[in-house]
N, C-alpha and C. Protein backbone atom coordinates (compact mmCIF):
# COMPACT_ATOMS: atom_id res chain seq x y z
N MET A 1 -16.97 10.39 0.55
CA MET A 1 -15.87 9.45 0.57
C MET A 1 -14.39 10.84 1.35
N GLU A 2 -14.86 12.20 0.93
CA GLU A 2 -13.88 13.07 1.86
C GLU A 2 -13.96 12.86 3.19
N ILE A 3 -15.34 12.90 3.76
CA ILE A 3 -15.45 12.23 5.19
C ILE A 3 -14.15 11.23 5.62
N LEU A 4 -14.26 9.78 4.91
CA LEU A 4 -13.31 9.17 4.79
C LEU A 4 -11.62 9.34 5.00
N PHE A 5 -11.75 10.36 3.91
CA PHE A 5 -10.04 10.84 3.80
C PHE A 5 -9.88 11.73 5.38
N GLU A 6 -10.71 12.59 5.45
CA GLU A 6 -10.56 13.38 6.89
C GLU A 6 -10.78 12.93 7.81
N ASP A 7 -11.43 11.55 7.99
CA ASP A 7 -10.99 11.12 9.21
C ASP A 7 -10.11 10.51 9.59
N LEU A 8 -9.22 9.64 8.22
CA LEU A 8 -7.88 8.76 8.34
C LEU A 8 -6.97 9.88 8.78
N ARG A 9 -7.12 11.21 7.85
CA ARG A 9 -6.05 12.22 7.98
C ARG A 9 -5.92 12.32 9.61
N ALA A 10 -6.92 13.31 10.49
CA ALA A 10 -7.31 13.15 11.43
C ALA A 10 -6.37 12.02 12.45
N PHE A 11 -6.90 11.30 12.45
CA PHE A 11 -6.25 10.01 12.94
C PHE A 11 -4.84 9.40 12.83
N ILE A 12 -4.21 10.30 11.02
CA ILE A 12 -3.09 9.94 11.43
C ILE A 12 -1.79 10.87 11.92
N VAL A 13 -2.74 12.23 11.83
CA VAL A 13 -1.87 12.84 12.48
C VAL A 13 -1.82 12.89 14.25
N ASP A 14 -3.04 12.60 14.55
CA ASP A 14 -2.63 12.29 15.92
C ASP A 14 -1.71 11.25 16.40
N CYS A 15 -1.38 10.57 15.39
CA CYS A 15 -0.56 9.17 15.46
C CYS A 15 0.81 9.99 15.48
N GLY A 16 1.05 11.15 14.91
CA GLY A 16 2.22 11.99 14.82
C GLY A 16 3.34 11.63 13.38
N VAL A 17 2.29 11.30 12.23
CA VAL A 17 2.67 11.34 11.21
C VAL A 17 1.86 12.37 10.28
N MET A 18 2.37 13.51 9.75
CA MET A 18 1.94 14.70 8.51
C MET A 18 1.17 14.50 7.78
N VAL A 19 0.14 15.17 7.41
CA VAL A 19 -0.62 14.19 6.29
C VAL A 19 -0.62 15.68 5.29
N THR A 20 0.06 15.95 4.30
CA THR A 20 -0.18 17.11 3.34
C THR A 20 -0.88 16.51 2.00
N LEU A 21 -1.46 17.62 1.43
CA LEU A 21 -2.03 17.21 -0.22
C LEU A 21 -0.98 18.20 -0.98
N GLU A 22 -0.61 17.33 -2.01
CA GLU A 22 0.00 18.25 -3.20
C GLU A 22 0.25 18.19 -4.52
N GLU A 23 -0.55 18.59 -5.64
CA GLU A 23 -0.93 18.66 -6.52
C GLU A 23 0.33 18.18 -7.64
N MET A 24 0.60 16.92 -8.02
CA MET A 24 1.71 16.34 -8.80
C MET A 24 1.42 16.18 -10.62
N ASP A 25 1.90 15.67 -11.23
CA ASP A 25 1.54 15.13 -12.10
C ASP A 25 0.67 14.00 -11.63
N LEU A 26 -0.15 13.21 -12.58
CA LEU A 26 -1.22 12.20 -12.26
C LEU A 26 -0.14 11.15 -11.52
N GLU A 27 0.82 11.00 -11.80
CA GLU A 27 1.80 9.60 -11.41
C GLU A 27 2.93 10.67 -10.20
N PRO A 28 3.15 10.54 -9.37
CA PRO A 28 2.49 9.20 -8.38
C PRO A 28 1.16 9.65 -7.53
N PRO A 29 0.55 8.77 -7.21
CA PRO A 29 -0.91 9.39 -6.42
C PRO A 29 -0.37 9.92 -5.09
N GLY A 30 1.05 9.40 -4.51
CA GLY A 30 0.79 9.60 -3.32
C GLY A 30 2.89 9.05 -2.95
N ARG A 31 3.44 9.93 -1.68
CA ARG A 31 4.79 9.32 -1.14
C ARG A 31 4.55 9.20 0.16
N PHE A 32 5.77 8.61 1.09
CA PHE A 32 5.76 9.01 2.03
C PHE A 32 7.26 8.42 2.34
N ASP A 33 7.58 9.21 3.86
CA ASP A 33 8.75 9.20 4.28
C ASP A 33 8.91 8.67 5.78
N GLY A 34 7.54 7.77 6.44
CA GLY A 34 7.85 7.63 7.86
C GLY A 34 6.93 8.64 8.37
N PRO A 35 7.47 10.10 8.81
CA PRO A 35 6.81 11.34 9.71
C PRO A 35 5.59 11.84 8.84
N SER A 36 5.73 11.43 7.13
CA SER A 36 4.88 12.26 6.64
C SER A 36 4.53 11.75 5.27
N ILE A 37 3.46 11.95 5.50
CA ILE A 37 2.57 10.94 3.97
C ILE A 37 2.33 12.53 3.10
N THR A 38 2.47 12.58 1.87
CA THR A 38 1.88 13.31 0.74
C THR A 38 0.92 12.66 -0.38
N ILE A 39 0.14 13.26 -0.59
CA ILE A 39 -1.21 12.28 -1.22
C ILE A 39 -1.53 13.15 -2.10
N ASN A 40 -1.41 12.74 -3.71
CA ASN A 40 -2.12 13.93 -4.84
C ASN A 40 -3.11 13.91 -4.92
N PRO A 41 -3.94 14.98 -4.93
CA PRO A 41 -5.49 15.22 -4.53
C PRO A 41 -5.92 15.50 -6.13
N LEU A 42 -4.89 15.20 -7.39
CA LEU A 42 -5.63 15.02 -8.43
C LEU A 42 -6.41 13.59 -8.78
N HIS A 43 -6.11 12.64 -7.77
CA HIS A 43 -7.11 11.33 -7.98
C HIS A 43 -8.42 11.37 -6.90
N HIS A 44 -8.91 10.55 -7.47
CA HIS A 44 -10.47 10.58 -6.49
C HIS A 44 -10.07 10.52 -5.16
N SER A 45 -11.05 10.85 -4.26
CA SER A 45 -11.14 11.20 -2.92
C SER A 45 -10.99 9.44 -2.52
N GLU A 46 -11.67 8.79 -2.90
CA GLU A 46 -12.08 6.82 -2.77
C GLU A 46 -10.36 6.51 -3.20
N GLU A 47 -10.03 6.93 -3.92
CA GLU A 47 -8.50 6.19 -3.81
C GLU A 47 -7.62 6.76 -3.21
N ALA A 48 -7.54 8.11 -2.95
CA ALA A 48 -6.50 9.00 -2.05
C ALA A 48 -6.78 8.33 -0.68
N SER A 49 -7.90 8.15 0.03
CA SER A 49 -8.36 7.68 0.95
C SER A 49 -7.39 6.71 1.44
N TYR A 50 -7.95 5.48 0.29
CA TYR A 50 -6.90 4.24 0.35
C TYR A 50 -5.47 4.19 0.04
N TYR A 51 -5.01 4.89 -0.83
CA TYR A 51 -3.65 5.33 -0.69
C TYR A 51 -3.17 5.65 0.61
N LEU A 52 -3.92 6.58 1.35
CA LEU A 52 -3.46 7.48 2.42
C LEU A 52 -3.11 5.94 3.62
N ALA A 53 -4.78 5.42 3.77
CA ALA A 53 -4.94 4.06 4.53
C ALA A 53 -3.39 3.40 4.76
N HIS A 54 -2.99 2.69 3.31
CA HIS A 54 -1.95 1.87 2.80
C HIS A 54 -0.47 2.56 3.31
N SER A 55 -0.37 3.96 3.01
CA SER A 55 0.62 4.62 3.34
C SER A 55 1.15 4.68 5.04
N PHE A 56 -0.13 4.74 5.40
CA PHE A 56 0.04 4.98 7.11
C PHE A 56 0.00 3.13 7.59
N GLY A 57 -0.30 2.17 6.74
CA GLY A 57 -0.15 1.08 7.26
C GLY A 57 1.61 0.63 6.93
N SER A 58 1.95 0.92 6.27
CA SER A 58 3.15 0.61 5.58
C SER A 58 4.28 1.59 6.68
N ILE A 59 3.94 2.88 7.18
CA ILE A 59 4.64 3.48 8.13
C ILE A 59 4.34 2.52 9.22
N VAL A 60 3.31 2.57 9.57
CA VAL A 60 3.13 1.42 11.05
C VAL A 60 4.12 0.52 10.79
N GLN A 61 4.40 -0.36 9.72
CA GLN A 61 5.06 -1.55 9.46
C GLN A 61 6.78 -1.18 9.93
N TRP A 62 7.20 -0.04 9.00
CA TRP A 62 8.67 0.75 8.96
C TRP A 62 8.76 0.83 10.42
N SER A 63 7.83 1.18 10.94
CA SER A 63 8.24 1.98 12.37
C SER A 63 8.50 1.22 13.55
N THR A 64 7.56 -0.10 13.44
CA THR A 64 6.97 -1.41 14.71
C THR A 64 8.30 -2.21 14.02
N ALA A 65 8.75 -2.38 13.09
CA ALA A 65 9.56 -3.68 12.79
C ALA A 65 10.73 -2.90 11.61
N TYR A 66 11.50 -1.88 11.89
CA TYR A 66 12.28 -1.37 10.84
C TYR A 66 13.38 -2.26 10.08
N ASN A 67 14.31 -3.11 10.84
CA ASN A 67 14.98 -3.86 10.77
C ASN A 67 15.10 -4.99 9.89
N GLU A 68 13.35 -5.77 9.71
CA GLU A 68 12.90 -6.72 8.79
C GLU A 68 12.51 -5.70 7.73
N SER A 69 11.80 -4.97 8.03
CA SER A 69 11.16 -4.56 6.75
C SER A 69 12.29 -3.72 5.97
N LYS A 70 13.18 -3.67 6.46
CA LYS A 70 14.30 -2.62 5.42
C LYS A 70 15.58 -4.41 4.66
N ARG A 71 15.28 -5.16 5.66
CA ARG A 71 15.86 -6.52 5.16
C ARG A 71 15.31 -6.74 3.84
N THR A 72 13.54 -6.77 3.82
CA THR A 72 12.69 -6.49 2.82
C THR A 72 12.91 -6.01 1.72
N TYR A 73 13.03 -5.03 1.92
CA TYR A 73 12.99 -4.14 0.55
C TYR A 73 14.80 -4.45 0.03
N ASP A 74 15.66 -4.41 0.75
CA ASP A 74 16.94 -4.44 0.29
C ASP A 74 17.21 -6.09 0.16
N GLY A 75 16.70 -6.56 -0.04
CA GLY A 75 16.79 -8.33 -0.39
C GLY A 75 15.93 -8.39 -1.63
N LEU A 76 14.81 -7.59 -1.79
CA LEU A 76 14.43 -7.68 -3.00
C LEU A 76 14.93 -6.87 -3.84
N ARG A 77 15.52 -5.75 -3.63
CA ARG A 77 16.65 -4.85 -4.38
C ARG A 77 17.72 -5.52 -5.41
N GLU A 78 18.51 -6.56 -4.39
CA GLU A 78 19.23 -7.14 -4.35
C GLU A 78 19.12 -8.58 -5.55
N ALA A 79 17.81 -9.05 -5.02
CA ALA A 79 17.63 -10.25 -5.70
C ALA A 79 17.22 -10.15 -7.21
N LYS A 80 16.43 -8.49 -7.51
CA LYS A 80 16.30 -8.33 -8.83
C LYS A 80 17.07 -8.65 -9.75
N GLY A 81 18.37 -7.91 -9.03
CA GLY A 81 19.57 -7.51 -9.37
C GLY A 81 20.14 -9.25 -10.13
N ARG A 82 19.82 -9.65 -9.47
CA ARG A 82 20.19 -11.16 -9.60
C ARG A 82 19.46 -12.14 -10.12
N ARG A 83 18.08 -11.59 -11.21
CA ARG A 83 16.88 -12.31 -10.99
C ARG A 83 17.35 -13.69 -11.57
N GLU A 84 18.13 -13.79 -12.91
CA GLU A 84 18.24 -14.59 -14.24
C GLU A 84 19.27 -15.55 -13.44
N GLN A 85 20.32 -15.07 -12.62
CA GLN A 85 21.49 -16.15 -11.96
C GLN A 85 20.53 -16.92 -10.52
N ASP A 86 19.96 -16.60 -10.02
CA ASP A 86 19.32 -17.03 -8.84
C ASP A 86 17.60 -16.78 -8.80
N PRO A 87 16.86 -17.30 -9.62
CA PRO A 87 15.40 -17.07 -9.58
C PRO A 87 14.68 -17.61 -8.61
N GLY A 88 15.12 -18.74 -7.50
CA GLY A 88 14.51 -18.99 -6.31
C GLY A 88 14.65 -17.71 -5.48
N ARG A 89 15.88 -17.26 -5.44
CA ARG A 89 16.34 -16.53 -4.36
C ARG A 89 14.96 -14.94 -4.73
N PHE A 90 14.78 -14.82 -6.28
CA PHE A 90 14.31 -13.33 -6.32
C PHE A 90 12.83 -13.86 -6.25
N GLU A 91 12.12 -15.25 -6.04
CA GLU A 91 10.82 -15.65 -5.93
C GLU A 91 10.58 -15.37 -4.25
N ALA A 92 11.67 -15.84 -3.39
CA ALA A 92 11.68 -15.59 -1.66
C ALA A 92 11.42 -14.20 -1.49
N ALA A 93 12.40 -13.33 -2.20
CA ALA A 93 12.26 -12.11 -1.73
C ALA A 93 11.00 -11.55 -1.99
N LEU A 94 10.66 -11.97 -3.37
CA LEU A 94 9.14 -11.13 -3.78
C LEU A 94 8.19 -11.70 -2.91
N GLN A 95 8.27 -12.47 -2.42
CA GLN A 95 7.41 -13.24 -1.42
C GLN A 95 7.17 -12.61 0.12
N ARG A 96 8.25 -12.52 0.28
CA ARG A 96 8.62 -11.52 1.76
C ARG A 96 8.27 -9.83 1.44
N TYR A 97 8.45 -9.48 0.21
CA TYR A 97 7.65 -7.97 0.22
C TYR A 97 6.03 -7.73 -0.03
N ARG A 98 5.51 -9.33 -0.85
CA ARG A 98 4.10 -9.68 -0.56
C ARG A 98 3.46 -9.70 0.76
N GLU A 99 4.43 -9.94 1.63
CA GLU A 99 3.68 -10.42 2.86
C GLU A 99 4.26 -8.86 3.49
N PHE A 100 5.21 -7.99 3.29
CA PHE A 100 5.45 -6.77 3.82
C PHE A 100 3.89 -6.05 3.52
N GLU A 101 3.56 -6.19 1.75
CA GLU A 101 2.78 -5.19 1.74
C GLU A 101 1.01 -5.65 2.02
N GLN A 102 1.18 -7.28 2.38
CA GLN A 102 -0.12 -7.75 3.12
C GLN A 102 -0.15 -7.19 4.54
N THR A 103 0.96 -7.36 5.08
CA THR A 103 0.39 -6.76 6.49
C THR A 103 0.54 -5.26 6.25
N SER A 104 1.02 -4.26 5.38
CA SER A 104 0.30 -3.12 5.66
C SER A 104 -0.67 -2.79 5.43
N SER A 105 -1.72 -3.60 4.48
CA SER A 105 -3.00 -3.20 4.45
C SER A 105 -3.77 -4.03 5.73
N GLU A 106 -3.25 -5.53 6.37
CA GLU A 106 -4.00 -5.35 7.63
C GLU A 106 -3.89 -4.30 8.91
N HIS A 107 -2.83 -3.56 8.75
CA HIS A 107 -2.62 -2.09 9.51
C HIS A 107 -3.81 -0.95 8.96
N ALA A 108 -3.94 -1.42 7.49
CA ALA A 108 -4.92 -0.05 7.03
C ALA A 108 -6.05 -0.66 7.68
N VAL A 109 -6.23 -1.91 7.23
CA VAL A 109 -8.17 -2.07 7.56
C VAL A 109 -7.99 -1.90 8.78
N TRP A 110 -7.11 -2.24 10.07
CA TRP A 110 -7.79 -2.05 11.53
C TRP A 110 -7.89 -0.37 11.58
N THR A 111 -7.20 0.64 10.51
CA THR A 111 -7.24 1.96 10.99
C THR A 111 -8.58 2.10 9.99
N LEU A 112 -9.34 1.44 9.64
CA LEU A 112 -10.27 2.14 8.80
C LEU A 112 -11.06 1.38 9.35
N ALA A 113 -11.41 0.58 10.24
CA ALA A 113 -12.19 0.24 11.21
C ALA A 113 -12.26 1.17 12.74
N HIS A 114 -11.14 1.66 12.89
CA HIS A 114 -11.02 2.31 13.99
C HIS A 114 -11.46 3.40 14.19
N VAL A 115 -11.36 4.24 12.68
CA VAL A 115 -11.90 5.47 12.49
C VAL A 115 -13.34 5.21 12.00
N GLY A 116 -14.12 4.43 12.10
CA GLY A 116 -15.55 4.51 11.75
C GLY A 116 -15.68 4.08 10.43
N HIS A 117 -14.99 3.70 9.74
CA HIS A 117 -15.16 3.39 8.49
C HIS A 117 -15.20 1.83 7.98
N THR A 118 -15.72 1.08 8.44
CA THR A 118 -15.82 -0.69 8.47
C THR A 118 -16.48 -0.79 6.44
N ASP A 119 -17.55 0.25 6.18
CA ASP A 119 -17.98 0.03 5.03
C ASP A 119 -17.02 0.20 3.89
N ALA A 120 -15.71 1.04 3.80
CA ALA A 120 -14.39 1.04 3.20
C ALA A 120 -13.16 -0.15 3.30
N ILE A 121 -13.89 -0.80 3.83
CA ILE A 121 -12.99 -2.57 3.95
C ILE A 121 -12.83 -2.95 2.71
N PRO A 122 -14.21 -3.30 2.28
CA PRO A 122 -14.37 -4.33 1.22
C PRO A 122 -13.88 -3.74 -0.26
N PRO A 123 -14.15 -2.25 -0.33
CA PRO A 123 -13.45 -1.82 -1.25
C PRO A 123 -11.80 -1.32 -1.31
N TYR A 124 -11.78 -1.30 -0.22
CA TYR A 124 -10.21 -1.07 -0.09
C TYR A 124 -9.38 -2.29 -0.01
N THR A 125 -9.90 -3.65 -0.09
CA THR A 125 -9.50 -4.88 0.37
C THR A 125 -9.43 -5.05 -1.71
N LEU A 126 -10.55 -5.09 -2.53
CA LEU A 126 -10.73 -5.37 -3.38
C LEU A 126 -9.63 -4.74 -4.29
N PHE A 127 -9.33 -3.27 -4.43
CA PHE A 127 -8.24 -2.11 -4.74
C PHE A 127 -6.72 -2.75 -4.23
N PHE A 128 -6.45 -2.98 -3.17
CA PHE A 128 -5.26 -3.48 -2.77
C PHE A 128 -5.01 -4.78 -3.17
N ARG A 129 -5.88 -5.50 -2.88
CA ARG A 129 -5.41 -6.80 -3.33
C ARG A 129 -5.20 -7.05 -4.80
N ALA A 130 -5.75 -6.22 -5.83
CA ALA A 130 -5.03 -6.06 -7.27
C ALA A 130 -4.04 -5.11 -7.60
N ASP A 131 -3.66 -3.96 -6.03
CA ASP A 131 -2.03 -3.59 -6.23
C ASP A 131 -1.11 -4.23 -5.96
N ILE A 132 -1.31 -5.31 -5.21
CA ILE A 132 -0.16 -6.22 -4.43
C ILE A 132 0.10 -7.22 -5.98
N GLU A 133 -0.72 -7.60 -6.40
CA GLU A 133 -0.74 -8.42 -8.00
C GLU A 133 -0.19 -7.13 -9.09
N ALA A 134 -0.69 -6.02 -9.02
CA ALA A 134 -0.06 -5.28 -10.08
C ALA A 134 1.80 -4.98 -9.87
N MET A 135 1.95 -5.00 -8.53
CA MET A 135 3.10 -4.73 -7.99
C MET A 135 4.11 -5.74 -8.42
N THR A 136 3.31 -7.29 -8.04
CA THR A 136 4.29 -8.39 -8.55
C THR A 136 4.02 -8.64 -10.19
N ILE A 137 3.70 -7.80 -10.99
CA ILE A 137 4.12 -8.09 -11.71
C ILE A 137 5.22 -7.06 -12.50
N PHE A 138 5.20 -5.73 -11.89
CA PHE A 138 6.18 -5.05 -11.66
C PHE A 138 7.52 -5.48 -11.56
N HIS A 139 7.73 -6.11 -10.19
CA HIS A 139 8.91 -6.39 -9.52
C HIS A 139 9.32 -7.85 -10.96
N ARG A 140 8.68 -8.53 -11.38
CA ARG A 140 8.86 -9.52 -12.04
C ARG A 140 9.27 -8.99 -13.41
N THR A 141 8.80 -7.95 -14.30
CA THR A 141 8.74 -7.70 -15.28
C THR A 141 9.59 -6.47 -15.19
N GLY A 142 9.51 -5.69 -14.70
CA GLY A 142 10.24 -4.28 -14.56
C GLY A 142 9.04 -3.21 -15.03
N LYS A 143 7.76 -3.49 -15.40
CA LYS A 143 7.19 -2.49 -15.78
C LYS A 143 5.37 -3.10 -15.16
N ALA A 144 5.05 -2.09 -14.49
CA ALA A 144 3.48 -2.29 -13.87
C ALA A 144 2.49 -2.14 -15.11
N PRO A 145 1.50 -2.85 -15.21
CA PRO A 145 0.66 -2.88 -15.65
C PRO A 145 -0.15 -1.87 -15.53
N ALA A 146 -0.83 -1.38 -16.95
CA ALA A 146 -1.90 0.10 -17.12
C ALA A 146 -2.67 -0.24 -16.05
N TRP A 147 -2.68 0.84 -14.79
CA TRP A 147 -3.52 0.55 -13.40
C TRP A 147 -5.35 0.48 -14.00
N PRO A 148 -5.85 1.60 -14.92
CA PRO A 148 -7.22 1.43 -15.23
C PRO A 148 -7.76 0.13 -15.41
N GLU A 149 -7.20 -0.31 -16.67
CA GLU A 149 -7.31 -1.33 -17.10
C GLU A 149 -7.08 -2.49 -16.59
N PHE A 150 -6.18 -3.20 -15.60
CA PHE A 150 -5.85 -3.82 -14.67
C PHE A 150 -6.84 -4.08 -13.63
N PHE A 151 -7.34 -3.16 -13.03
CA PHE A 151 -8.13 -2.75 -12.26
C PHE A 151 -9.80 -3.29 -12.69
N ALA A 152 -9.92 -2.42 -13.80
CA ALA A 152 -11.49 -3.00 -14.10
C ALA A 152 -11.29 -4.47 -14.16
N LYS A 153 -10.21 -5.12 -14.74
CA LYS A 153 -10.21 -6.47 -15.48
C LYS A 153 -10.35 -7.53 -14.16
N TRP A 154 -9.32 -6.62 -13.15
CA TRP A 154 -9.46 -7.18 -12.05
C TRP A 154 -10.71 -7.18 -10.96
N LYS A 155 -11.98 -6.26 -11.15
CA LYS A 155 -12.83 -6.11 -10.50
C LYS A 155 -13.95 -7.18 -11.68
N HIS A 156 -13.74 -6.77 -12.54
CA HIS A 156 -14.84 -7.61 -13.27
C HIS A 156 -14.57 -9.36 -12.94
N GLU A 157 -13.34 -9.93 -12.78
CA GLU A 157 -13.37 -10.91 -12.30
C GLU A 157 -13.47 -11.49 -11.20
N ALA A 158 -13.58 -10.47 -10.11
CA ALA A 158 -13.98 -10.50 -9.02
C ALA A 158 -15.53 -11.04 -8.80
N ALA A 159 -15.86 -10.14 -9.64
CA ALA A 159 -17.22 -10.12 -9.95
C ALA A 159 -17.67 -11.22 -10.43
N ALA A 160 -17.06 -11.92 -11.07
CA ALA A 160 -17.72 -12.97 -11.91
C ALA A 160 -17.38 -14.34 -10.94
N GLY A 161 -16.40 -14.28 -9.84
CA GLY A 161 -16.10 -15.53 -9.22
C GLY A 161 -14.99 -16.19 -9.58
N THR A 162 -14.25 -15.82 -10.66
CA THR A 162 -13.13 -16.03 -11.51
C THR A 162 -12.20 -15.49 -10.46
N ILE A 163 -12.33 -14.69 -9.54
CA ILE A 163 -10.72 -14.67 -8.75
C ILE A 163 -11.20 -14.70 -6.99
N GLN A 164 -10.58 -15.14 -6.54
CA GLN A 164 -11.73 -14.68 -4.83
C GLN A 164 -10.57 -13.77 -4.39
N ILE A 165 -10.93 -13.12 -3.45
CA ILE A 165 -10.75 -11.95 -2.95
C ILE A 165 -10.62 -11.85 -1.61
N GLU A 166 -9.67 -12.36 -1.03
CA GLU A 166 -9.16 -12.73 0.36
C GLU A 166 -9.46 -11.54 1.46
N PRO A 167 -10.03 -11.54 1.80
CA PRO A 167 -10.08 -10.37 3.28
C PRO A 167 -8.69 -9.98 3.87
N PHE A 168 -8.38 -8.87 4.48
CA PHE A 168 -7.38 -8.56 5.32
C PHE A 168 -7.92 -8.85 6.69
N THR A 169 -6.89 -9.35 7.00
CA THR A 169 -7.42 -9.52 8.78
C THR A 169 -6.95 -8.25 9.49
N PRO A 170 -7.58 -7.89 10.04
CA PRO A 170 -7.39 -6.27 10.89
C PRO A 170 -6.37 -6.85 11.61
N ARG A 171 -5.30 -5.65 11.96
CA ARG A 171 -3.86 -5.87 12.33
C ARG A 171 -3.89 -4.72 13.52
N PRO A 172 -4.23 -4.72 14.55
CA PRO A 172 -4.28 -3.61 15.51
C PRO A 172 -2.37 -3.20 15.77
N PHE A 173 -2.02 -2.28 16.30
CA PHE A 173 -1.03 -1.95 16.53
C PHE A 173 -0.98 -0.77 17.69
N ALA A 174 0.21 -0.87 18.49
CA ALA A 174 0.52 -0.27 19.60
C ALA A 174 1.13 1.48 19.10
N ARG A 175 0.71 2.27 20.01
CA ARG A 175 1.22 3.60 19.74
C ARG A 175 2.90 3.22 19.51
N PHE A 176 3.28 4.39 18.17
CA PHE A 176 4.49 4.02 18.09
C PHE A 176 5.22 5.24 17.54
N HIS A 177 6.47 5.64 17.65
CA HIS A 177 7.27 6.68 17.14
C HIS A 177 7.56 6.60 15.50
N PRO A 178 6.88 7.52 14.84
CA PRO A 178 7.19 7.24 13.06
C PRO A 178 8.77 7.00 12.86
N VAL A 179 9.37 6.23 12.63
CA VAL A 179 10.78 6.25 11.87
C VAL A 179 10.51 6.88 10.46
N ARG A 180 12.31 7.63 10.12
CA ARG A 180 12.21 8.44 8.83
C ARG A 180 12.55 7.22 7.92
N VAL A 181 12.28 6.94 6.68
CA VAL A 181 12.19 5.77 5.88
C VAL A 181 12.82 6.15 4.50
N GLU A 182 13.39 5.52 3.78
CA GLU A 182 13.89 6.58 2.50
C GLU A 182 12.71 6.70 1.59
N PRO A 183 12.65 7.62 1.43
CA PRO A 183 10.92 8.27 0.16
C PRO A 183 10.57 7.01 -0.31
N GLN A 184 9.33 6.56 -0.11
CA GLN A 184 8.63 5.64 -1.07
C GLN A 184 7.30 6.11 -1.99
N GLU A 185 7.32 6.07 -3.19
CA GLU A 185 6.20 6.61 -3.75
C GLU A 185 5.56 5.32 -4.08
N VAL A 186 4.24 6.01 -4.01
CA VAL A 186 2.87 5.15 -4.60
C VAL A 186 2.83 4.86 -6.09
N LEU A 187 2.90 3.93 -6.40
CA LEU A 187 2.63 3.75 -7.88
C LEU A 187 1.76 3.08 -8.20
N GLN A 188 1.02 3.47 -9.68
CA GLN A 188 -0.04 3.25 -10.35
C GLN A 188 0.19 3.64 -11.75
N GLU A 189 0.73 2.74 -12.85
CA GLU A 189 0.68 2.96 -13.87
C GLU A 189 -0.33 3.93 -14.78
N ARG A 190 -0.56 4.89 -15.35
CA ARG A 190 -1.88 5.49 -15.93
C ARG A 190 -1.30 5.03 -17.25
């Protein structure tokens, strides 16, 4: 998996986004701000590769649809503050957030294929479908589920056919200039 990480890193750097490794506490696994992505090397290289690909997919989206992306995040933040008074608005904002995360993963799986790692797409998909659900729980309740247990259960349910894992459709993108965004942390409660 180190090869996957290095191939992703080379492509992302070629796209104008700096990628660095920085040991942090176990949380967060990474962070990004548009022109840069920082990955915590304390995480397994496979997971680190997925965080890198997904962070880059988010940067693509912020950089190519900035106003829409900002509306999505601002809208969710505002709707969470009024969740009790207007649950319909909150659910609509949460759905737009989920769509943002979906599109980020579509960019990520296109990137995985582009750098020659189509074999990483199914496990990435399993991982980030679980991540979207975990983050949905976080936004609904204010507390993310404990990731190791949540992901283990998710994998078990997927293997048993209890849940269906919808593939992400690779979404290509044109060359772009990375725009600076409010720093975003990758979250995975340990």
